[in-house]
C-alpha atoms as a PDB file:
ATOM      1  CA  MET A   1       0.337   0.306  -0.205  1.00  0.00           C
ATOM      2  CA  SER A   2       1.679   3.522  -0.772  1.00  0.00           C
ATOM      3  CA  ILE A   3       1.490   6.300   1.439  1.00  0.00           C
ATOM      4  CA  ASN A   4      -0.890   7.990  -0.903  1.00  0.00           C
ATOM      5  CA  ASN A   5      -3.469   5.668  -0.363  1.00  0.00           C
ATOM      6  CA  LEU A   6      -2.881   5.419   3.608  1.00  0.00           C
ATOM      7  CA  GLY A   7      -3.582   9.365   2.938  1.00  0.00           C
ATOM      8  CA  TRP A   8      -6.404   8.982   0.777  1.00  0.00           C
ATOM      9  CA  LEU A   9      -8.419   6.384   3.319  1.00  0.00           C
ATOM     10  CA  GLY A  10      -7.024   7.854   6.387  1.00  0.00           C
ATOM     11  CA  CYS A  11      -7.445  11.530   5.771  1.00  0.00           C
ATOM     12  CA  VAL A  12      -9.769  12.485   2.651  1.00  0.00           C
ATOM     13  CA  ALA A  13     -12.486   9.349   2.897  1.00  0.00           C
ATOM     14  CA  SER A  14     -12.908   9.224   6.840  1.00  0.00           C
ATOM     15  CA  MET A  15     -13.151  12.513   6.670  1.00  0.00           C
ATOM     16  CA  ILE A  16     -16.464  12.758   4.318  1.00  0.00           C
ATOM     17  CA  CYS A  17     -17.632  10.105   6.368  1.00  0.00           C
ATOM     18  CA  PHE A  18     -17.170  11.765   9.682  1.00  0.00           C
ATOM     19  CA  ILE A  19     -18.684  14.792   7.976  1.00  0.00           C
ATOM     20  CA  ALA A  20     -21.501  12.450   6.566  1.00  0.00           C
ATOM     21  CA  TRP A  21     -22.149  10.779   9.719  1.00  0.00           C
ATOM     22  CA  ASN A  22     -22.831  14.011  11.841  1.00  0.00           C
ATOM     23  CA  TRP A  23     -25.154  15.130   8.932  1.00  0.00           C
ATOM     24  CA  ALA A  24     -27.149  12.440   9.073  1.00  0.00           C
ATOM     25  CA  LEU A  25     -27.533  12.886  12.836  1.00  0.00           C
ATOM     26  CA  LYS A  26     -28.802  16.762  13.133  1.00  0.00           C
ATOM     27  CA  LYS A  27     -30.976  15.716  10.145  1.00  0.00           C
ATOM     28  CA  LEU A  28     -32.591  12.071  11.023  1.00  0.00           C
ATOM     29  CA  GLY A  29     -31.874  11.910  14.976  1.00  0.00           C
ATOM     30  CA  ALA A  30     -29.234   9.958  16.693  1.00  0.00           C
ATOM     31  CA  VAL A  31     -32.063   6.464  17.036  1.00  0.00           C
ATOM     32  CA  VAL A  32     -32.750   6.938  13.323  1.00  0.00           C
ATOM     33  CA  ALA A  33     -29.557   7.312  11.826  1.00  0.00           C
ATOM     34  CA  THR A  34     -28.082   4.554  14.158  1.00  0.00           C
ATOM     35  CA  ASN A  35     -30.482   2.051  12.898  1.00  0.00           C
ATOM     36  CA  TYR A  36     -30.130   3.390   9.439  1.00  0.00           C
ATOM     37  CA  VAL A  37     -26.145   2.058  10.185  1.00  0.00           C
ATOM     38  CA  TYR A  38     -27.674  -1.360   9.664  1.00  0.00           C
ATOM     39  CA  PHE A  39     -28.575  -0.866   5.953  1.00  0.00           C
ATOM     40  CA  ASN A  40     -24.856  -1.018   5.463  1.00  0.00           C
ATOM     41  CA  PRO A  41     -24.290  -4.701   4.658  1.00  0.00           C
ATOM     42  CA  VAL A  42     -27.115  -4.719   2.048  1.00  0.00           C
ATOM     43  CA  THR A  43     -25.416  -1.987   0.313  1.00  0.00           C
ATOM     44  CA  THR A  44     -22.408  -3.996   0.071  1.00  0.00           C
ATOM     45  CA  VAL A  45     -24.314  -6.583  -1.044  1.00  0.00           C
ATOM     46  CA  LEU A  46     -25.908  -5.015  -4.085  1.00  0.00           C
ATOM     47  CA  PHE A  47     -22.701  -3.082  -5.063  1.00  0.00           C
ATOM     48  CA  ALA A  48     -20.734  -6.328  -5.274  1.00  0.00           C
ATOM     49  CA  TRP A  49     -23.540  -7.734  -7.156  1.00  0.00           C
ATOM     50  CA  LEU A  50     -23.688  -4.693  -9.582  1.00  0.00           C
ATOM     51  CA  MET A  51     -20.228  -3.853 -10.075  1.00  0.00           C
ATOM     52  CA  LEU A  52     -18.292  -7.088  -8.890  1.00  0.00           C
ATOM     53  CA  SER A  53     -20.762  -9.395 -10.794  1.00  0.00           C
ATOM     54  CA  GLU A  54     -20.682 -11.075  -7.396  1.00  0.00           C
ATOM     55  CA  ARG A  55     -23.228 -14.155  -6.938  1.00  0.00           C
ATOM     56  CA  ILE A  56     -26.091 -13.315  -4.703  1.00  0.00           C
ATOM     57  CA  THR A  57     -26.704 -16.393  -2.828  1.00  0.00           C
ATOM     58  CA  LEU A  58     -29.660 -17.631  -0.340  1.00  0.00           C
ATOM     59  CA  TYR A  59     -27.703 -16.495   2.687  1.00  0.00           C
ATOM     60  CA  PHE A  60     -27.237 -12.788   1.229  1.00  0.00           C
ATOM     61  CA  LEU A  61     -30.839 -13.212   1.040  1.00  0.00           C
ATOM     62  CA  ILE A  62     -31.599 -14.228   4.104  1.00  0.00           C
ATOM     63  CA  GLY A  63     -29.697 -11.664   5.605  1.00  0.00           C
ATOM     64  CA  THR A  64     -30.953  -8.865   3.481  1.00  0.00           C
ATOM     65  CA  MET A  65     -34.553  -9.828   5.042  1.00  0.00           C
ATOM     66  CA  LEU A  66     -33.853  -9.977   8.442  1.00  0.00           C
ATOM     67  CA  ILE A  67     -32.227  -7.197   8.428  1.00  0.00           C
ATOM     68  CA  LEU A  68     -34.553  -4.900   6.730  1.00  0.00           C
ATOM     69  CA  THR A  69     -37.308  -6.842   9.139  1.00  0.00           C
ATOM     70  CA  GLY A  70     -34.851  -5.462  11.971  1.00  0.00           C
ATOM     71  CA  MET A  71     -35.069  -2.208  10.428  1.00  0.00           C
ATOM     72  CA  PHE A  72     -38.646  -2.286   9.833  1.00  0.00           C
ATOM     73  CA  PHE A  73     -39.313  -2.712  13.453  1.00  0.00           C
ATOM     74  CA  SER A  74     -37.360  -0.294  14.806  1.00  0.00           C
ATOM     75  CA  ASN A  75     -38.403   1.803  12.627  1.00  0.00           C
ATOM     76  CA  LYS A  76     -41.829   1.697  13.651  1.00  0.00           C
ATOM     77  CA  ARG A  77     -43.696   4.167  16.157  1.00  0.00           C
END
């Protein structure tokens, strides 16, 4: 890994993530924003399928359904 990669990931990418997280906390509130963190694996699977042509297996589908069900119930009033 080159020093440029390390600098990009350590400084620029982390800074963008922290800014986005703080913006989400202000707009959505802490509880709702934290619940949406669990959506990250679902987007990872979708982008891996779209960009890397990975196969979506039964385990991915079961995990996605469990995550979406959990998010639905946690955000339900």
